[in-house]
PDB file of N, CA and C in Angstrom:
ATOM      1  N   UNK A   1       0.846  -1.189   0.000  1.00  0.00           N
ATOM      2  CA  UNK A   1       0.000   0.000   0.000  1.00  0.00           C
ATOM      3  C   UNK A   1       0.882   1.240   0.000  1.00  0.00           C
ATOM      4  N   UNK A   2       0.512   2.222  -0.821  1.00  0.00           N
ATOM      5  CA  UNK A   2       1.268   3.468  -0.896  1.00  0.00           C
ATOM      6  C   UNK A   2       1.135   4.240   0.407  1.00  0.00           C
ATOM      7  N   UNK A   3       2.232   4.776   0.824  1.00  0.00           N
ATOM      8  CA  UNK A   3       2.218   5.570   2.044  1.00  0.00           C
ATOM      9  C   UNK A   3       2.737   6.954   1.711  1.00  0.00           C
ATOM     10  N   UNK A   4       1.981   7.958   1.988  1.00  0.00           N
ATOM     11  CA  UNK A   4       2.383   9.328   1.693  1.00  0.00           C
ATOM     12  C   UNK A   4       1.176  10.230   1.588  1.00  0.00           C
ATOM     13  N   UNK A   5       1.431  11.459   1.224  1.00  0.00           N
ATOM     14  CA  UNK A   5       0.372  12.456   1.161  1.00  0.00           C
ATOM     15  C   UNK A   5      -0.506  12.256  -0.068  1.00  0.00           C
ATOM     16  N   UNK A   6       0.095  12.003  -1.217  1.00  0.00           N
ATOM     17  CA  UNK A   6      -0.632  11.914  -2.478  1.00  0.00           C
ATOM     18  C   UNK A   6      -1.170  10.499  -2.663  1.00  0.00           C
ATOM     19  N   UNK A   7      -2.448  10.293  -2.319  1.00  0.00           N
ATOM     20  CA  UNK A   7      -3.052   8.967  -2.358  1.00  0.00           C
ATOM     21  C   UNK A   7      -3.915   8.715  -3.596  1.00  0.00           C
ATOM     22  N   UNK A   8      -4.296   9.752  -4.340  1.00  0.00           N
ATOM     23  CA  UNK A   8      -5.104   9.574  -5.539  1.00  0.00           C
ATOM     24  C   UNK A   8      -4.267   8.835  -6.576  1.00  0.00           C
ATOM     25  N   UNK A   9      -4.676   7.606  -6.923  1.00  0.00           N
ATOM     26  CA  UNK A   9      -3.867   6.740  -7.783  1.00  0.00           C
ATOM     27  C   UNK A   9      -3.585   7.332  -9.160  1.00  0.00           C
ATOM     28  N   UNK A  10      -4.587   7.853  -9.889  1.00  0.00           N
ATOM     29  CA  UNK A  10      -4.274   8.422 -11.198  1.00  0.00           C
ATOM     30  C   UNK A  10      -3.348   9.640 -11.113  1.00  0.00           C
ATOM     31  N   UNK A  11      -3.538  10.487 -10.108  1.00  0.00           N
ATOM     32  CA  UNK A  11      -2.682  11.661  -9.950  1.00  0.00           C
ATOM     33  C   UNK A  11      -1.264  11.250  -9.564  1.00  0.00           C
ATOM     34  N   UNK A  12      -1.135  10.286  -8.686  1.00  0.00           N
ATOM     35  CA  UNK A  12       0.171   9.784  -8.286  1.00  0.00           C
ATOM     36  C   UNK A  12       0.907   9.168  -9.480  1.00  0.00           C
ATOM     37  N   UNK A  13       0.184   8.413 -10.316  1.00  0.00           N
ATOM     38  CA  UNK A  13       0.788   7.815 -11.504  1.00  0.00           C
ATOM     39  C   UNK A  13       1.243   8.891 -12.483  1.00  0.00           C
ATOM     40  N   UNK A  14       0.440   9.935 -12.657  1.00  0.00           N
ATOM     41  CA  UNK A  14       0.810  11.034 -13.544  1.00  0.00           C
ATOM     42  C   UNK A  14       2.089  11.700 -13.070  1.00  0.00           C
ATOM     43  N   UNK A  15       2.182  11.995 -11.800  1.00  0.00           N
ATOM     44  CA  UNK A  15       3.378  12.622 -11.237  1.00  0.00           C
ATOM     45  C   UNK A  15       4.597  11.726 -11.459  1.00  0.00           C
ATOM     46  N   UNK A  16       4.426  10.426 -11.290  1.00  0.00           N
ATOM     47  CA  UNK A  16       5.538   9.489 -11.479  1.00  0.00           C
ATOM     48  C   UNK A  16       6.029   9.469 -12.921  1.00  0.00           C
ATOM     49  N   UNK A  17       5.142   9.720 -13.882  1.00  0.00           N
ATOM     50  CA  UNK A  17       5.511   9.708 -15.302  1.00  0.00           C
ATOM     51  C   UNK A  17       6.113  11.021 -15.779  1.00  0.00           C
ATOM     52  N   UNK A  18       5.981  12.085 -15.020  1.00  0.00           N
ATOM     53  CA  UNK A  18       6.409  13.404 -15.484  1.00  0.00           C
ATOM     54  C   UNK A  18       7.921  13.523 -15.536  1.00  0.00           C
ATOM     55  N   UNK A  19       8.386  14.238 -16.542  1.00  0.00           N
ATOM     56  CA  UNK A  19       9.810  14.502 -16.706  1.00  0.00           C
ATOM     57  C   UNK A  19      10.041  15.961 -17.065  1.00  0.00           C
ATOM     58  N   UNK A  20      11.287  16.308 -17.366  1.00  0.00           N
ATOM     59  CA  UNK A  20      11.619  17.682 -17.744  1.00  0.00           C
ATOM     60  C   UNK A  20      10.786  18.108 -18.946  1.00  0.00           C
ATOM     61  N   UNK A  21      10.320  19.331 -18.926  1.00  0.00           N
ATOM     62  CA  UNK A  21       9.513  19.996 -19.954  1.00  0.00           C
ATOM     63  C   UNK A  21       8.071  19.494 -20.033  1.00  0.00           C
ATOM     64  N   UNK A  22       7.678  18.467 -19.267  1.00  0.00           N
ATOM     65  CA  UNK A  22       6.274  18.043 -19.236  1.00  0.00           C
ATOM     66  C   UNK A  22       5.474  19.114 -18.502  1.00  0.00           C
ATOM     67  N   UNK A  23       4.203  19.219 -18.840  1.00  0.00           N
ATOM     68  CA  UNK A  23       3.344  20.235 -18.245  1.00  0.00           C
ATOM     69  C   UNK A  23       2.108  19.603 -17.619  1.00  0.00           C
ATOM     70  N   UNK A  24       1.633  20.234 -16.547  1.00  0.00           N
ATOM     71  CA  UNK A  24       0.398  19.828 -15.885  1.00  0.00           C
ATOM     72  C   UNK A  24      -0.405  21.103 -15.634  1.00  0.00           C
ATOM     73  N   UNK A  25      -1.702  21.031 -15.816  1.00  0.00           N
ATOM     74  CA  UNK A  25      -2.578  22.167 -15.562  1.00  0.00           C
ATOM     75  C   UNK A  25      -3.466  21.828 -14.369  1.00  0.00           C
ATOM     76  N   UNK A  26      -3.502  22.719 -13.401  1.00  0.00           N
ATOM     77  CA  UNK A  26      -4.406  22.586 -12.265  1.00  0.00           C
ATOM     78  C   UNK A  26      -5.444  23.687 -12.444  1.00  0.00           C
ATOM     79  N   UNK A  27      -6.707  23.311 -12.567  1.00  0.00           N
ATOM     80  CA  UNK A  27      -7.738  24.296 -12.893  1.00  0.00           C
ATOM     81  C   UNK A  27      -9.042  23.961 -12.194  1.00  0.00           C
ATOM     82  N   UNK A  28      -9.984  24.898 -12.290  1.00  0.00           N
ATOM     83  CA  UNK A  28     -11.310  24.642 -11.737  1.00  0.00           C
ATOM     84  C   UNK A  28     -12.185  23.977 -12.787  1.00  0.00           C
ATOM     85  N   UNK A  29     -13.404  23.704 -12.431  1.00  0.00           N
ATOM     86  CA  UNK A  29     -14.309  22.957 -13.304  1.00  0.00           C
ATOM     87  C   UNK A  29     -14.709  23.723 -14.559  1.00  0.00           C
ATOM     88  N   UNK A  30     -14.470  25.014 -14.625  1.00  0.00           N
ATOM     89  CA  UNK A  30     -14.909  25.804 -15.763  1.00  0.00           C
ATOM     90  C   UNK A  30     -13.977  25.801 -16.958  1.00  0.00           C
ATOM     91  N   UNK A  31     -12.773  25.272 -16.827  1.00  0.00           N
ATOM     92  CA  UNK A  31     -11.809  25.314 -17.937  1.00  0.00           C
ATOM     93  C   UNK A  31     -12.216  24.331 -19.027  1.00  0.00           C
ATOM     94  N   UNK A  32     -12.383  24.813 -20.264  1.00  0.00           N
ATOM     95  CA  UNK A  32     -12.710  23.884 -21.348  1.00  0.00           C
ATOM     96  C   UNK A  32     -11.477  23.042 -21.700  1.00  0.00           C
ATOM     97  N   UNK A  33     -11.648  21.734 -21.734  1.00  0.00           N
ATOM     98  CA  UNK A  33     -10.542  20.829 -22.036  1.00  0.00           C
ATOM     99  C   UNK A  33     -10.894  20.072 -23.312  1.00  0.00           C
ATOM    100  N   UNK A  34     -10.065  20.205 -24.343  1.00  0.00           N
ATOM    101  CA  UNK A  34     -10.361  19.497 -25.589  1.00  0.00           C
ATOM    102  C   UNK A  34     -10.154  17.998 -25.428  1.00  0.00           C
ATOM    103  N   UNK A  35     -10.668  17.237 -26.375  1.00  0.00           N
ATOM    104  CA  UNK A  35     -10.439  15.801 -26.381  1.00  0.00           C
ATOM    105  C   UNK A  35      -8.959  15.548 -26.590  1.00  0.00           C
ATOM    106  N   UNK A  36      -8.406  14.642 -25.836  1.00  0.00           N
ATOM    107  CA  UNK A  36      -6.991  14.307 -26.013  1.00  0.00           C
ATOM    108  C   UNK A  36      -6.200  14.305 -24.725  1.00  0.00           C
ATOM    109  N   UNK A  37      -6.053  15.479 -24.058  1.00  0.00           N
ATOM    110  CA  UNK A  37      -5.262  15.488 -22.822  1.00  0.00           C
ATOM    111  C   UNK A  37      -5.898  14.620 -21.740  1.00  0.00           C
ATOM    112  N   UNK A  38      -5.047  13.995 -20.926  1.00  0.00           N
ATOM    113  CA  UNK A  38      -5.544  13.217 -19.797  1.00  0.00           C
ATOM    114  C   UNK A  38      -6.193  14.159 -18.793  1.00  0.00           C
ATOM    115  N   UNK A  39      -7.329  13.764 -18.259  1.00  0.00           N
ATOM    116  CA  UNK A  39      -8.039  14.574 -17.273  1.00  0.00           C
ATOM    117  C   UNK A  39      -8.223  13.755 -16.011  1.00  0.00           C
ATOM    118  N   UNK A  40      -7.850  14.331 -14.877  1.00  0.00           N
ATOM    119  CA  UNK A  40      -8.054  13.681 -13.585  1.00  0.00           C
ATOM    120  C   UNK A  40      -8.932  14.615 -12.761  1.00  0.00           C
ATOM    121  N   UNK A  41     -10.168  14.233 -12.580  1.00  0.00           N
ATOM    122  CA  UNK A  41     -11.138  15.065 -11.875  1.00  0.00           C
ATOM    123  C   UNK A  41     -11.052  14.766 -10.382  1.00  0.00           C
ATOM    124  N   UNK A  42     -10.717  15.769  -9.602  1.00  0.00           N
ATOM    125  CA  UNK A  42     -10.601  15.619  -8.151  1.00  0.00           C
ATOM    126  C   UNK A  42     -11.791  16.212  -7.405  1.00  0.00           C
ATOM    127  N   UNK A  43     -12.771  16.729  -8.156  1.00  0.00           N
ATOM    128  CA  UNK A  43     -13.881  17.452  -7.546  1.00  0.00           C
ATOM    129  C   UNK A  43     -14.728  16.566  -6.630  1.00  0.00           C
ATOM    130  N   UNK A  44     -15.055  17.103  -5.483  1.00  0.00           N
ATOM    131  CA  UNK A  44     -15.977  16.466  -4.550  1.00  0.00           C
ATOM    132  C   UNK A  44     -17.283  17.251  -4.532  1.00  0.00           C
ATOM    133  N   UNK A  45     -17.147  18.574  -4.410  1.00  0.00           N
ATOM    134  CA  UNK A  45     -18.258  19.506  -4.522  1.00  0.00           C
ATOM    135  C   UNK A  45     -17.638  20.855  -4.867  1.00  0.00           C
ATOM    136  N   UNK A  46     -18.448  21.852  -5.186  1.00  0.00           N
ATOM    137  CA  UNK A  46     -17.915  23.149  -5.595  1.00  0.00           C
ATOM    138  C   UNK A  46     -16.900  23.677  -4.576  1.00  0.00           C
ATOM    139  N   UNK A  47     -15.704  23.989  -5.058  1.00  0.00           N
ATOM    140  CA  UNK A  47     -14.657  24.539  -4.195  1.00  0.00           C
ATOM    141  C   UNK A  47     -13.870  23.521  -3.395  1.00  0.00           C
ATOM    142  N   UNK A  48     -14.191  22.241  -3.526  1.00  0.00           N
ATOM    143  CA  UNK A  48     -13.500  21.196  -2.771  1.00  0.00           C
ATOM    144  C   UNK A  48     -12.974  20.129  -3.726  1.00  0.00           C
ATOM    145  N   UNK A  49     -11.699  19.891  -3.726  1.00  0.00           N
ATOM    146  CA  UNK A  49     -10.653  20.501  -2.915  1.00  0.00           C
ATOM    147  C   UNK A  49     -10.265  21.875  -3.453  1.00  0.00           C
ATOM    148  N   UNK A  50      -9.667  22.681  -2.607  1.00  0.00           N
ATOM    149  CA  UNK A  50      -9.227  24.012  -3.017  1.00  0.00           C
ATOM    150  C   UNK A  50      -7.938  23.910  -3.832  1.00  0.00           C
ATOM    151  N   UNK A  51      -7.626  24.979  -4.540  1.00  0.00           N
ATOM    152  CA  UNK A  51      -6.378  25.039  -5.303  1.00  0.00           C
ATOM    153  C   UNK A  51      -5.185  24.813  -4.378  1.00  0.00           C
ATOM    154  N   UNK A  52      -5.213  25.434  -3.217  1.00  0.00           N
ATOM    155  CA  UNK A  52      -4.104  25.287  -2.261  1.00  0.00           C
ATOM    156  C   UNK A  52      -3.934  23.842  -1.812  1.00  0.00           C
ATOM    157  N   UNK A  53      -5.044  23.141  -1.580  1.00  0.00           N
ATOM    158  CA  UNK A  53      -4.982  21.744  -1.164  1.00  0.00           C
ATOM    159  C   UNK A  53      -4.375  20.871  -2.256  1.00  0.00           C
ATOM    160  N   UNK A  54      -4.828  21.078  -3.491  1.00  0.00           N
ATOM    161  CA  UNK A  54      -4.318  20.285  -4.614  1.00  0.00           C
ATOM    162  C   UNK A  54      -2.827  20.562  -4.827  1.00  0.00           C
ATOM    163  N   UNK A  55      -2.450  21.840  -4.836  1.00  0.00           N
ATOM    164  CA  UNK A  55      -1.035  22.173  -5.035  1.00  0.00           C
ATOM    165  C   UNK A  55      -0.172  21.644  -3.896  1.00  0.00           C
ATOM    166  N   UNK A  56      -0.666  21.743  -2.683  1.00  0.00           N
ATOM    167  CA  UNK A  56       0.085  21.224  -1.542  1.00  0.00           C
ATOM    168  C   UNK A  56       0.357  19.739  -1.674  1.00  0.00           C
ATOM    169  N   UNK A  57      -0.649  18.986  -2.095  1.00  0.00           N
ATOM    170  CA  UNK A  57      -0.473  17.544  -2.280  1.00  0.00           C
ATOM    171  C   UNK A  57       0.480  17.256  -3.436  1.00  0.00           C
ATOM    172  N   UNK A  58       0.310  17.963  -4.553  1.00  0.00           N
ATOM    173  CA  UNK A  58       1.196  17.752  -5.708  1.00  0.00           C
ATOM    174  C   UNK A  58       2.654  18.037  -5.364  1.00  0.00           C
ATOM    175  N   UNK A  59       2.876  19.100  -4.614  1.00  0.00           N
ATOM    176  CA  UNK A  59       4.252  19.505  -4.316  1.00  0.00           C
ATOM    177  C   UNK A  59       4.962  18.578  -3.338  1.00  0.00           C
ATOM    178  N   UNK A  60       4.250  17.626  -2.742  1.00  0.00           N
ATOM    179  CA  UNK A  60       4.931  16.643  -1.896  1.00  0.00           C
ATOM    180  C   UNK A  60       5.718  15.653  -2.743  1.00  0.00           C
ATOM    181  N   UNK A  61       5.299  15.448  -4.010  1.00  0.00           N
ATOM    182  CA  UNK A  61       5.948  14.477  -4.891  1.00  0.00           C
ATOM    183  C   UNK A  61       6.493  15.071  -6.182  1.00  0.00           C
ATOM    184  N   UNK A  62       6.113  16.286  -6.544  1.00  0.00           N
ATOM    185  CA  UNK A  62       6.429  16.856  -7.848  1.00  0.00           C
ATOM    186  C   UNK A  62       7.418  18.002  -7.714  1.00  0.00           C
ATOM    187  N   UNK A  63       8.471  17.972  -8.530  1.00  0.00           N
ATOM    188  CA  UNK A  63       9.413  19.090  -8.604  1.00  0.00           C
ATOM    189  C   UNK A  63       8.929  20.011  -9.717  1.00  0.00           C
ATOM    190  N   UNK A  64       8.660  21.268  -9.381  1.00  0.00           N
ATOM    191  CA  UNK A  64       8.144  22.236 -10.352  1.00  0.00           C
ATOM    192  C   UNK A  64       9.289  23.120 -10.824  1.00  0.00           C
ATOM    193  N   UNK A  65       9.462  23.184 -12.143  1.00  0.00           N
ATOM    194  CA  UNK A  65      10.534  23.982 -12.719  1.00  0.00           C
ATOM    195  C   UNK A  65      10.078  25.378 -13.117  1.00  0.00           C
ATOM    196  N   UNK A  66       8.788  25.535 -13.404  1.00  0.00           N
ATOM    197  CA  UNK A  66       8.262  26.819 -13.865  1.00  0.00           C
ATOM    198  C   UNK A  66       6.764  26.850 -13.608  1.00  0.00           C
ATOM    199  N   UNK A  67       6.239  28.029 -13.267  1.00  0.00           N
ATOM    200  CA  UNK A  67       4.804  28.201 -13.041  1.00  0.00           C
ATOM    201  C   UNK A  67       4.284  29.263 -14.000  1.00  0.00           C
ATOM    202  N   UNK A  68       3.180  28.970 -14.651  1.00  0.00           N
ATOM    203  CA  UNK A  68       2.497  29.939 -15.513  1.00  0.00           C
ATOM    204  C   UNK A  68       1.091  30.084 -14.962  1.00  0.00           C
ATOM    205  N   UNK A  69       0.711  31.303 -14.621  1.00  0.00           N
ATOM    206  CA  UNK A  69      -0.621  31.542 -14.076  1.00  0.00           C
ATOM    207  C   UNK A  69      -1.409  32.422 -15.032  1.00  0.00           C
ATOM    208  N   UNK A  70      -2.701  32.187 -15.118  1.00  0.00           N
ATOM    209  CA  UNK A  70      -3.576  33.039 -15.927  1.00  0.00           C
ATOM    210  C   UNK A  70      -3.532  34.455 -15.373  1.00  0.00           C
ATOM    211  N   UNK A  71      -3.512  35.436 -16.259  1.00  0.00           N
ATOM    212  CA  UNK A  71      -3.447  36.830 -15.812  1.00  0.00           C
ATOM    213  C   UNK A  71      -4.667  37.212 -14.971  1.00  0.00           C
ATOM    214  N   UNK A  72      -5.804  36.559 -15.202  1.00  0.00           N
ATOM    215  CA  UNK A  72      -7.040  36.872 -14.477  1.00  0.00           C
ATOM    216  C   UNK A  72      -6.984  36.469 -13.007  1.00  0.00           C
ATOM    217  N   UNK A  73      -6.082  35.584 -12.651  1.00  0.00           N
ATOM    218  CA  UNK A  73      -6.071  35.081 -11.260  1.00  0.00           C
ATOM    219  C   UNK A  73      -5.786  36.204 -10.258  1.00  0.00           C
ATOM    220  N   UNK A  74      -5.033  37.198 -10.652  1.00  0.00           N
ATOM    221  CA  UNK A  74      -4.722  38.314  -9.741  1.00  0.00           C
ATOM    222  C   UNK A  74      -5.973  39.126  -9.387  1.00  0.00           C
ATOM    223  N   UNK A  75      -6.898  39.238 -10.349  1.00  0.00           N
ATOM    224  CA  UNK A  75      -8.117  40.010 -10.107  1.00  0.00           C
ATOM    225  C   UNK A  75      -9.205  39.147  -9.476  1.00  0.00           C
ATOM    226  N   UNK A  76      -9.346  37.902  -9.926  1.00  0.00           N
ATOM    227  CA  UNK A  76     -10.462  37.059  -9.514  1.00  0.00           C
ATOM    228  C   UNK A  76     -10.167  36.295  -8.228  1.00  0.00           C
ATOM    229  N   UNK A  77      -8.929  35.815  -8.069  1.00  0.00           N
ATOM    230  CA  UNK A  77      -8.565  35.024  -6.885  1.00  0.00           C
ATOM    231  C   UNK A  77      -7.235  35.485  -6.305  1.00  0.00           C
ATOM    232  N   UNK A  78      -7.211  36.713  -5.779  1.00  0.00           N
ATOM    233  CA  UNK A  78      -5.922  37.235  -5.285  1.00  0.00           C
ATOM    234  C   UNK A  78      -5.397  36.423  -4.107  1.00  0.00           C
TER     235      UNK A  78
END
């Protein structure tokens, strides 16, 4: 049995497969996602889990080389 913070199996597997220059998007339910990219839905109910919770869990196993944030986040979610 896996022991650690990141227990979601598909998310843990994705993190394990990531390498240099690979990208991951963490977004809310409103982002349109075209057919093709892998999607891992973590939603339980509106606002749960929070962005901070998801990022906190990801950062226990994932080394981030660069962050790109939508320009709107400063106005909508400061």
